[in-house]
Amino acid sequence: MQILLGLILGAVIGLAAHFTLPHREVRGAALAPLAGAAAAAVVWTALTWMGFGVDAPVLWLVAVLAPAATVFALLPLLSRARLSRDAADRARLGL
């Protein structure tokens, strides 16, 4: 049940990244929160399996840093790929 805290935290970080980073019109609104929640879930699960509890500061620190690093690295890459693919499709179609 405590993993829900990590999931919510990751989704909020992903949502903040979605509205902070440019080119949000070329990606779905759910992509960043889902990526953040997935990263937080993986890290939270791994750290709890290693024996860290909710009272461990390292769990909270990594649960914030992992989704932030994941989302802020993933979204620009996906946006850039989408923009270049759209430009190539426009050129191919002569639009």
PDB file of N, CA and C in Angstrom:
ATOM      1  N   MET A   1       0.818  -1.191   0.000  1.00  0.00           N
ATOM      2  CA  MET A   1       0.000   0.000   0.000  1.00  0.00           C
ATOM      3  C   MET A   1       0.863   1.256   0.000  1.00  0.00           C
ATOM      4  N   GLN A   2       2.044   1.179   0.576  1.00  0.00           N
ATOM      5  CA  GLN A   2       2.906   2.360   0.653  1.00  0.00           C
ATOM      6  C   GLN A   2       3.514   2.713  -0.699  1.00  0.00           C
ATOM      7  N   ILE A   3       3.507   1.786  -1.642  1.00  0.00           N
ATOM      8  CA  ILE A   3       4.025   2.083  -2.965  1.00  0.00           C
ATOM      9  C   ILE A   3       3.161   3.137  -3.650  1.00  0.00           C
ATOM     10  N   LEU A   4       1.917   3.268  -3.207  1.00  0.00           N
ATOM     11  CA  LEU A   4       1.028   4.278  -3.764  1.00  0.00           C
ATOM     12  C   LEU A   4       1.596   5.682  -3.564  1.00  0.00           C
ATOM     13  N   LEU A   5       2.318   5.880  -2.466  1.00  0.00           N
ATOM     14  CA  LEU A   5       2.967   7.172  -2.242  1.00  0.00           C
ATOM     15  C   LEU A   5       4.004   7.453  -3.332  1.00  0.00           C
ATOM     16  N   GLY A   6       4.785   6.457  -3.677  1.00  0.00           N
ATOM     17  CA  GLY A   6       5.768   6.614  -4.739  1.00  0.00           C
ATOM     18  C   GLY A   6       5.132   6.828  -6.097  1.00  0.00           C
ATOM     19  N   LEU A   7       4.041   6.116  -6.362  1.00  0.00           N
ATOM     20  CA  LEU A   7       3.347   6.276  -7.639  1.00  0.00           C
ATOM     21  C   LEU A   7       2.771   7.677  -7.794  1.00  0.00           C
ATOM     22  N   ILE A   8       2.154   8.177  -6.753  1.00  0.00           N
ATOM     23  CA  ILE A   8       1.589   9.530  -6.805  1.00  0.00           C
ATOM     24  C   ILE A   8       2.697  10.555  -6.970  1.00  0.00           C
ATOM     25  N   LEU A   9       3.771  10.381  -6.248  1.00  0.00           N
ATOM     26  CA  LEU A   9       4.900  11.307  -6.347  1.00  0.00           C
ATOM     27  C   LEU A   9       5.485  11.305  -7.758  1.00  0.00           C
ATOM     28  N   GLY A  10       5.664  10.146  -8.338  1.00  0.00           N
ATOM     29  CA  GLY A  10       6.182  10.056  -9.696  1.00  0.00           C
ATOM     30  C   GLY A  10       5.237  10.660 -10.722  1.00  0.00           C
ATOM     31  N   ALA A  11       3.938  10.451 -10.549  1.00  0.00           N
ATOM     32  CA  ALA A  11       2.962  11.018 -11.475  1.00  0.00           C
ATOM     33  C   ALA A  11       2.926  12.535 -11.384  1.00  0.00           C
ATOM     34  N   VAL A  12       3.052  13.071 -10.196  1.00  0.00           N
ATOM     35  CA  VAL A  12       3.061  14.531 -10.027  1.00  0.00           C
ATOM     36  C   VAL A  12       4.312  15.132 -10.662  1.00  0.00           C
ATOM     37  N   ILE A  13       5.439  14.482 -10.494  1.00  0.00           N
ATOM     38  CA  ILE A  13       6.677  14.964 -11.124  1.00  0.00           C
ATOM     39  C   ILE A  13       6.544  14.903 -12.642  1.00  0.00           C
ATOM     40  N   GLY A  14       5.957  13.836 -13.154  1.00  0.00           N
ATOM     41  CA  GLY A  14       5.737  13.720 -14.590  1.00  0.00           C
ATOM     42  C   GLY A  14       4.775  14.772 -15.117  1.00  0.00           C
ATOM     43  N   LEU A  15       3.742  15.067 -14.369  1.00  0.00           N
ATOM     44  CA  LEU A  15       2.787  16.096 -14.770  1.00  0.00           C
ATOM     45  C   LEU A  15       3.447  17.469 -14.786  1.00  0.00           C
ATOM     46  N   ALA A  16       4.269  17.732 -13.790  1.00  0.00           N
ATOM     47  CA  ALA A  16       4.994  19.011 -13.764  1.00  0.00           C
ATOM     48  C   ALA A  16       5.954  19.111 -14.950  1.00  0.00           C
ATOM     49  N   ALA A  17       6.595  18.016 -15.290  1.00  0.00           N
ATOM     50  CA  ALA A  17       7.512  18.023 -16.437  1.00  0.00           C
ATOM     51  C   ALA A  17       6.753  18.229 -17.739  1.00  0.00           C
ATOM     52  N   HIS A  18       5.571  17.659 -17.841  1.00  0.00           N
ATOM     53  CA  HIS A  18       4.775  17.817 -19.062  1.00  0.00           C
ATOM     54  C   HIS A  18       4.457  19.291 -19.317  1.00  0.00           C
ATOM     55  N   PHE A  19       4.109  20.005 -18.281  1.00  0.00           N
ATOM     56  CA  PHE A  19       3.758  21.412 -18.454  1.00  0.00           C
ATOM     57  C   PHE A  19       4.976  22.335 -18.455  1.00  0.00           C
ATOM     58  N   THR A  20       6.113  21.858 -18.002  1.00  0.00           N
ATOM     59  CA  THR A  20       7.327  22.668 -17.964  1.00  0.00           C
ATOM     60  C   THR A  20       8.088  22.615 -19.285  1.00  0.00           C
ATOM     61  N   LEU A  21       8.191  21.431 -19.867  1.00  0.00           N
ATOM     62  CA  LEU A  21       8.996  21.251 -21.072  1.00  0.00           C
ATOM     63  C   LEU A  21       8.231  21.697 -22.320  1.00  0.00           C
ATOM     64  N   PRO A  22       8.961  22.151 -23.342  1.00  0.00           N
ATOM     65  CA  PRO A  22       8.286  22.599 -24.568  1.00  0.00           C
ATOM     66  C   PRO A  22       7.753  21.436 -25.402  1.00  0.00           C
ATOM     67  N   HIS A  23       6.990  21.769 -26.410  1.00  0.00           N
ATOM     68  CA  HIS A  23       6.424  20.831 -27.389  1.00  0.00           C
ATOM     69  C   HIS A  23       5.437  19.862 -26.765  1.00  0.00           C
ATOM     70  N   ARG A  24       4.652  20.338 -25.813  1.00  0.00           N
ATOM     71  CA  ARG A  24       3.691  19.427 -25.196  1.00  0.00           C
ATOM     72  C   ARG A  24       2.555  19.062 -26.139  1.00  0.00           C
ATOM     73  N   GLU A  25       2.400  19.824 -27.234  1.00  0.00           N
ATOM     74  CA  GLU A  25       1.325  19.526 -28.177  1.00  0.00           C
ATOM     75  C   GLU A  25       1.616  18.295 -29.031  1.00  0.00           C
ATOM     76  N   VAL A  26       2.850  17.813 -29.038  1.00  0.00           N
ATOM     77  CA  VAL A  26       3.187  16.649 -29.857  1.00  0.00           C
ATOM     78  C   VAL A  26       3.237  15.350 -29.059  1.00  0.00           C
ATOM     79  N   ARG A  27       2.937  15.417 -27.782  1.00  0.00           N
ATOM     80  CA  ARG A  27       2.905  14.196 -26.974  1.00  0.00           C
ATOM     81  C   ARG A  27       1.612  14.182 -26.161  1.00  0.00           C
ATOM     82  N   GLY A  28       1.211  13.037 -25.771  1.00  0.00           N
ATOM     83  CA  GLY A  28      -0.021  12.891 -25.009  1.00  0.00           C
ATOM     84  C   GLY A  28       0.127  13.426 -23.598  1.00  0.00           C
ATOM     85  N   ALA A  29      -0.992  13.839 -23.038  1.00  0.00           N
ATOM     86  CA  ALA A  29      -0.973  14.404 -21.693  1.00  0.00           C
ATOM     87  C   ALA A  29      -0.690  13.351 -20.624  1.00  0.00           C
ATOM     88  N   ALA A  30      -0.921  12.105 -20.935  1.00  0.00           N
ATOM     89  CA  ALA A  30      -0.721  11.042 -19.952  1.00  0.00           C
ATOM     90  C   ALA A  30       0.667  10.424 -20.010  1.00  0.00           C
ATOM     91  N   LEU A  31       1.439  10.736 -21.043  1.00  0.00           N
ATOM     92  CA  LEU A  31       2.739  10.093 -21.215  1.00  0.00           C
ATOM     93  C   LEU A  31       3.698  10.403 -20.068  1.00  0.00           C
ATOM     94  N   ALA A  32       3.866  11.662 -19.751  1.00  0.00           N
ATOM     95  CA  ALA A  32       4.818  12.050 -18.710  1.00  0.00           C
ATOM     96  C   ALA A  32       4.411  11.548 -17.323  1.00  0.00           C
ATOM     97  N   PRO A  33       3.135  11.704 -16.903  1.00  0.00           N
ATOM     98  CA  PRO A  33       2.775  11.150 -15.600  1.00  0.00           C
ATOM     99  C   PRO A  33       2.924   9.635 -15.513  1.00  0.00           C
ATOM    100  N   LEU A  34       2.617   8.943 -16.591  1.00  0.00           N
ATOM    101  CA  LEU A  34       2.779   7.484 -16.570  1.00  0.00           C
ATOM    102  C   LEU A  34       4.247   7.078 -16.523  1.00  0.00           C
ATOM    103  N   ALA A  35       5.093   7.794 -17.251  1.00  0.00           N
ATOM    104  CA  ALA A  35       6.525   7.490 -17.213  1.00  0.00           C
ATOM    105  C   ALA A  35       7.103   7.776 -15.833  1.00  0.00           C
ATOM    106  N   GLY A  36       6.685   8.880 -15.229  1.00  0.00           N
ATOM    107  CA  GLY A  36       7.148   9.203 -13.885  1.00  0.00           C
ATOM    108  C   GLY A  36       6.676   8.187 -12.851  1.00  0.00           C
ATOM    109  N   ALA A  37       5.427   7.783 -12.957  1.00  0.00           N
ATOM    110  CA  ALA A  37       4.892   6.792 -12.021  1.00  0.00           C
ATOM    111  C   ALA A  37       5.578   5.437 -12.205  1.00  0.00           C
ATOM    112  N   ALA A  38       5.863   5.075 -13.442  1.00  0.00           N
ATOM    113  CA  ALA A  38       6.547   3.801 -13.689  1.00  0.00           C
ATOM    114  C   ALA A  38       7.965   3.819 -13.121  1.00  0.00           C
ATOM    115  N   ALA A  39       8.670   4.916 -13.330  1.00  0.00           N
ATOM    116  CA  ALA A  39      10.029   5.015 -12.789  1.00  0.00           C
ATOM    117  C   ALA A  39      10.011   4.977 -11.259  1.00  0.00           C
ATOM    118  N   ALA A  40       9.059   5.677 -10.660  1.00  0.00           N
ATOM    119  CA  ALA A  40       8.959   5.679  -9.201  1.00  0.00           C
ATOM    120  C   ALA A  40       8.588   4.296  -8.671  1.00  0.00           C
ATOM    121  N   ALA A  41       7.727   3.598  -9.384  1.00  0.00           N
ATOM    122  CA  ALA A  41       7.323   2.263  -8.936  1.00  0.00           C
ATOM    123  C   ALA A  41       8.490   1.282  -8.970  1.00  0.00           C
ATOM    124  N   VAL A  42       9.283   1.357 -10.022  1.00  0.00           N
ATOM    125  CA  VAL A  42      10.437   0.454 -10.134  1.00  0.00           C
ATOM    126  C   VAL A  42      11.436   0.728  -9.019  1.00  0.00           C
ATOM    127  N   VAL A  43      11.735   2.001  -8.802  1.00  0.00           N
ATOM    128  CA  VAL A  43      12.722   2.369  -7.786  1.00  0.00           C
ATOM    129  C   VAL A  43      12.193   2.061  -6.383  1.00  0.00           C
ATOM    130  N   TRP A  44      10.936   2.397  -6.133  1.00  0.00           N
ATOM    131  CA  TRP A  44      10.345   2.152  -4.812  1.00  0.00           C
ATOM    132  C   TRP A  44      10.346   0.657  -4.510  1.00  0.00           C
ATOM    133  N   THR A  45       9.961  -0.145  -5.489  1.00  0.00           N
ATOM    134  CA  THR A  45       9.934  -1.597  -5.289  1.00  0.00           C
ATOM    135  C   THR A  45      11.334  -2.149  -5.036  1.00  0.00           C
ATOM    136  N   ALA A  46      12.288  -1.704  -5.819  1.00  0.00           N
ATOM    137  CA  ALA A  46      13.658  -2.194  -5.649  1.00  0.00           C
ATOM    138  C   ALA A  46      14.213  -1.826  -4.273  1.00  0.00           C
ATOM    139  N   LEU A  47      13.972  -0.609  -3.860  1.00  0.00           N
ATOM    140  CA  LEU A  47      14.516  -0.186  -2.565  1.00  0.00           C
ATOM    141  C   LEU A  47      13.807  -0.853  -1.393  1.00  0.00           C
ATOM    142  N   THR A  48      12.512  -1.092  -1.503  1.00  0.00           N
ATOM    143  CA  THR A  48      11.838  -1.793  -0.407  1.00  0.00           C
ATOM    144  C   THR A  48      12.265  -3.251  -0.355  1.00  0.00           C
ATOM    145  N   TRP A  49      12.549  -3.848  -1.507  1.00  0.00           N
ATOM    146  CA  TRP A  49      13.072  -5.216  -1.501  1.00  0.00           C
ATOM    147  C   TRP A  49      14.467  -5.266  -0.892  1.00  0.00           C
ATOM    148  N   MET A  50      15.209  -4.166  -0.981  1.00  0.00           N
ATOM    149  CA  MET A  50      16.535  -4.108  -0.370  1.00  0.00           C
ATOM    150  C   MET A  50      16.468  -3.830   1.125  1.00  0.00           C
ATOM    151  N   GLY A  51      15.267  -3.594   1.640  1.00  0.00           N
ATOM    152  CA  GLY A  51      15.103  -3.435   3.072  1.00  0.00           C
ATOM    153  C   GLY A  51      14.884  -2.019   3.555  1.00  0.00           C
ATOM    154  N   PHE A  52      14.790  -1.057   2.658  1.00  0.00           N
ATOM    155  CA  PHE A  52      14.534   0.316   3.078  1.00  0.00           C
ATOM    156  C   PHE A  52      13.055   0.472   3.377  1.00  0.00           C
ATOM    157  N   GLY A  53      12.766   1.157   4.472  1.00  0.00           N
ATOM    158  CA  GLY A  53      11.381   1.404   4.854  1.00  0.00           C
ATOM    159  C   GLY A  53      10.971   2.822   4.515  1.00  0.00           C
ATOM    160  N   VAL A  54       9.730   3.140   4.822  1.00  0.00           N
ATOM    161  CA  VAL A  54       9.194   4.468   4.533  1.00  0.00           C
ATOM    162  C   VAL A  54       9.918   5.536   5.350  1.00  0.00           C
ATOM    163  N   ASP A  55      10.497   5.152   6.449  1.00  0.00           N
ATOM    164  CA  ASP A  55      11.207   6.115   7.300  1.00  0.00           C
ATOM    165  C   ASP A  55      12.636   6.387   6.823  1.00  0.00           C
ATOM    166  N   ALA A  56      13.083   5.717   5.765  1.00  0.00           N
ATOM    167  CA  ALA A  56      14.442   5.910   5.245  1.00  0.00           C
ATOM    168  C   ALA A  56      14.470   7.092   4.273  1.00  0.00           C
ATOM    169  N   PRO A  57      15.324   8.081   4.538  1.00  0.00           N
ATOM    170  CA  PRO A  57      15.393   9.237   3.638  1.00  0.00           C
ATOM    171  C   PRO A  57      15.874   8.889   2.236  1.00  0.00           C
ATOM    172  N   VAL A  58      16.695   7.861   2.112  1.00  0.00           N
ATOM    173  CA  VAL A  58      17.202   7.493   0.785  1.00  0.00           C
ATOM    174  C   VAL A  58      16.064   7.024  -0.114  1.00  0.00           C
ATOM    175  N   LEU A  59      15.072   6.379   0.437  1.00  0.00           N
ATOM    176  CA  LEU A  59      13.919   5.944  -0.337  1.00  0.00           C
ATOM    177  C   LEU A  59      13.189   7.137  -0.931  1.00  0.00           C
ATOM    178  N   TRP A  60      12.979   8.156  -0.151  1.00  0.00           N
ATOM    179  CA  TRP A  60      12.274   9.350  -0.622  1.00  0.00           C
ATOM    180  C   TRP A  60      13.120  10.139  -1.612  1.00  0.00           C
ATOM    181  N   LEU A  61      14.409  10.219  -1.357  1.00  0.00           N
ATOM    182  CA  LEU A  61      15.288  10.956  -2.256  1.00  0.00           C
ATOM    183  C   LEU A  61      15.340  10.301  -3.638  1.00  0.00           C
ATOM    184  N   VAL A  62      15.505   9.006  -3.661  1.00  0.00           N
ATOM    185  CA  VAL A  62      15.558   8.293  -4.936  1.00  0.00           C
ATOM    186  C   VAL A  62      14.181   8.261  -5.596  1.00  0.00           C
ATOM    187  N   ALA A  63      13.114   8.224  -4.808  1.00  0.00           N
ATOM    188  CA  ALA A  63      11.762   8.229  -5.369  1.00  0.00           C
ATOM    189  C   ALA A  63      11.428   9.567  -6.016  1.00  0.00           C
ATOM    190  N   VAL A  64      12.154  10.615  -5.679  1.00  0.00           N
ATOM    191  CA  VAL A  64      11.970  11.914  -6.338  1.00  0.00           C
ATOM    192  C   VAL A  64      12.930  12.056  -7.511  1.00  0.00           C
ATOM    193  N   LEU A  65      14.171  11.650  -7.336  1.00  0.00           N
ATOM    194  CA  LEU A  65      15.186  11.848  -8.371  1.00  0.00           C
ATOM    195  C   LEU A  65      15.012  10.924  -9.576  1.00  0.00           C
ATOM    196  N   ALA A  66      14.615   9.689  -9.364  1.00  0.00           N
ATOM    197  CA  ALA A  66      14.480   8.747 -10.478  1.00  0.00           C
ATOM    198  C   ALA A  66      13.382   9.155 -11.463  1.00  0.00           C
ATOM    199  N   PRO A  67      12.181   9.501 -11.007  1.00  0.00           N
ATOM    200  CA  PRO A  67      11.184   9.953 -11.980  1.00  0.00           C
ATOM    201  C   PRO A  67      11.569  11.265 -12.658  1.00  0.00           C
ATOM    202  N   ALA A  68      12.198  12.166 -11.908  1.00  0.00           N
ATOM    203  CA  ALA A  68      12.616  13.441 -12.504  1.00  0.00           C
ATOM    204  C   ALA A  68      13.653  13.197 -13.588  1.00  0.00           C
ATOM    205  N   ALA A  69      14.627  12.371 -13.308  1.00  0.00           N
ATOM    206  CA  ALA A  69      15.659  12.082 -14.311  1.00  0.00           C
ATOM    207  C   ALA A  69      15.067  11.361 -15.516  1.00  0.00           C
ATOM    208  N   THR A  70      14.181  10.422 -15.267  1.00  0.00           N
ATOM    209  CA  THR A  70      13.561   9.673 -16.352  1.00  0.00           C
ATOM    210  C   THR A  70      12.724  10.570 -17.249  1.00  0.00           C
ATOM    211  N   VAL A  71      11.856  11.353 -16.646  1.00  0.00           N
ATOM    212  CA  VAL A  71      10.921  12.159 -17.422  1.00  0.00           C
ATOM    213  C   VAL A  71      11.629  13.300 -18.139  1.00  0.00           C
ATOM    214  N   PHE A  72      12.547  13.971 -17.446  1.00  0.00           N
ATOM    215  CA  PHE A  72      13.235  15.093 -18.081  1.00  0.00           C
ATOM    216  C   PHE A  72      14.240  14.633 -19.140  1.00  0.00           C
ATOM    217  N   ALA A  73      14.607  13.376 -19.156  1.00  0.00           N
ATOM    218  CA  ALA A  73      15.442  12.843 -20.241  1.00  0.00           C
ATOM    219  C   ALA A  73      14.593  12.263 -21.369  1.00  0.00           C
ATOM    220  N   LEU A  74      13.473  11.643 -21.024  1.00  0.00           N
ATOM    221  CA  LEU A  74      12.641  10.958 -22.012  1.00  0.00           C
ATOM    222  C   LEU A  74      11.816  11.917 -22.867  1.00  0.00           C
ATOM    223  N   LEU A  75      11.204  12.911 -22.257  1.00  0.00           N
ATOM    224  CA  LEU A  75      10.297  13.781 -22.995  1.00  0.00           C
ATOM    225  C   LEU A  75      10.961  14.582 -24.105  1.00  0.00           C
ATOM    226  N   PRO A  76      12.122  15.189 -23.893  1.00  0.00           N
ATOM    227  CA  PRO A  76      12.756  15.883 -25.021  1.00  0.00           C
ATOM    228  C   PRO A  76      13.130  14.939 -26.166  1.00  0.00           C
ATOM    229  N   LEU A  77      13.568  13.738 -25.836  1.00  0.00           N
ATOM    230  CA  LEU A  77      13.908  12.771 -26.885  1.00  0.00           C
ATOM    231  C   LEU A  77      12.682  12.379 -27.699  1.00  0.00           C
ATOM    232  N   LEU A  78      11.593  12.092 -27.019  1.00  0.00           N
ATOM    233  CA  LEU A  78      10.375  11.706 -27.719  1.00  0.00           C
ATOM    234  C   LEU A  78       9.794  12.860 -28.525  1.00  0.00           C
ATOM    235  N   SER A  79       9.850  14.058 -27.967  1.00  0.00           N
ATOM    236  CA  SER A  79       9.331  15.229 -28.687  1.00  0.00           C
ATOM    237  C   SER A  79      10.155  15.508 -29.933  1.00  0.00           C
ATOM    238  N   ARG A  80      11.471  15.421 -29.810  1.00  0.00           N
ATOM    239  CA  ARG A  80      12.348  15.639 -30.956  1.00  0.00           C
ATOM    240  C   ARG A  80      12.122  14.580 -32.034  1.00  0.00           C
ATOM    241  N   ALA A  81      11.956  13.345 -31.638  1.00  0.00           N
ATOM    242  CA  ALA A  81      11.702  12.277 -32.602  1.00  0.00           C
ATOM    243  C   ALA A  81      10.355  12.485 -33.299  1.00  0.00           C
ATOM    244  N   ARG A  82       9.360  12.891 -32.554  1.00  0.00           N
ATOM    245  CA  ARG A  82       8.043  13.123 -33.155  1.00  0.00           C
ATOM    246  C   ARG A  82       8.081  14.289 -34.128  1.00  0.00           C
ATOM    247  N   LEU A  83       8.755  15.370 -33.755  1.00  0.00           N
ATOM    248  CA  LEU A  83       8.838  16.523 -34.650  1.00  0.00           C
ATOM    249  C   LEU A  83       9.587  16.185 -35.932  1.00  0.00           C
ATOM    250  N   SER A  84      10.666  15.436 -35.840  1.00  0.00           N
ATOM    251  CA  SER A  84      11.419  15.079 -37.049  1.00  0.00           C
ATOM    252  C   SER A  84      10.638  14.098 -37.917  1.00  0.00           C
ATOM    253  N   ARG A  85       9.918  13.177 -37.293  1.00  0.00           N
ATOM    254  CA  ARG A  85       9.106  12.243 -38.072  1.00  0.00           C
ATOM    255  C   ARG A  85       7.947  12.963 -38.759  1.00  0.00           C
ATOM    256  N   ASP A  86       7.343  13.911 -38.068  1.00  0.00           N
ATOM    257  CA  ASP A  86       6.270  14.694 -38.686  1.00  0.00           C
ATOM    258  C   ASP A  86       6.797  15.521 -39.857  1.00  0.00           C
ATOM    259  N   ALA A  87       7.975  16.107 -39.706  1.00  0.00           N
ATOM    260  CA  ALA A  87       8.564  16.885 -40.799  1.00  0.00           C
ATOM    261  C   ALA A  87       8.887  15.989 -41.991  1.00  0.00           C
ATOM    262  N   ALA A  88       9.392  14.794 -41.728  1.00  0.00           N
ATOM    263  CA  ALA A  88       9.690  13.865 -42.813  1.00  0.00           C
ATOM    264  C   ALA A  88       8.407  13.424 -43.520  1.00  0.00           C
ATOM    265  N   ASP A  89       7.348  13.193 -42.757  1.00  0.00           N
ATOM    266  CA  ASP A  89       6.076  12.811 -43.373  1.00  0.00           C
ATOM    267  C   ASP A  89       5.490  13.952 -44.198  1.00  0.00           C
ATOM    268  N   ARG A  90       5.610  15.175 -43.708  1.00  0.00           N
ATOM    269  CA  ARG A  90       5.128  16.328 -44.475  1.00  0.00           C
ATOM    270  C   ARG A  90       5.909  16.475 -45.786  1.00  0.00           C
ATOM    271  N   ALA A  91       7.206  16.284 -45.725  1.00  0.00           N
ATOM    272  CA  ALA A  91       8.031  16.386 -46.926  1.00  0.00           C
ATOM    273  C   ALA A  91       7.701  15.268 -47.915  1.00  0.00           C
ATOM    274  N   ARG A  92       7.492  14.077 -47.381  1.00  0.00           N
ATOM    275  CA  ARG A  92       7.172  12.944 -48.254  1.00  0.00           C
ATOM    276  C   ARG A  92       5.816  13.128 -48.920  1.00  0.00           C
ATOM    277  N   LEU A  93       4.866  13.699 -48.205  1.00  0.00           N
ATOM    278  CA  LEU A  93       3.524  13.912 -48.756  1.00  0.00           C
ATOM    279  C   LEU A  93       3.391  15.201 -49.547  1.00  0.00           C
ATOM    280  N   GLY A  94       4.398  16.041 -49.485  1.00  0.00           N
ATOM    281  CA  GLY A  94       4.377  17.293 -50.211  1.00  0.00           C
ATOM    282  C   GLY A  94       3.448  18.317 -49.609  1.00  0.00           C
ATOM    283  N   LEU A  95       3.332  18.317 -48.315  1.00  0.00           N
ATOM    284  CA  LEU A  95       2.464  19.282 -47.633  1.00  0.00           C
ATOM    285  C   LEU A  95       3.204  20.518 -47.205  1.00  0.00           C
TER     286      LEU A  95
END
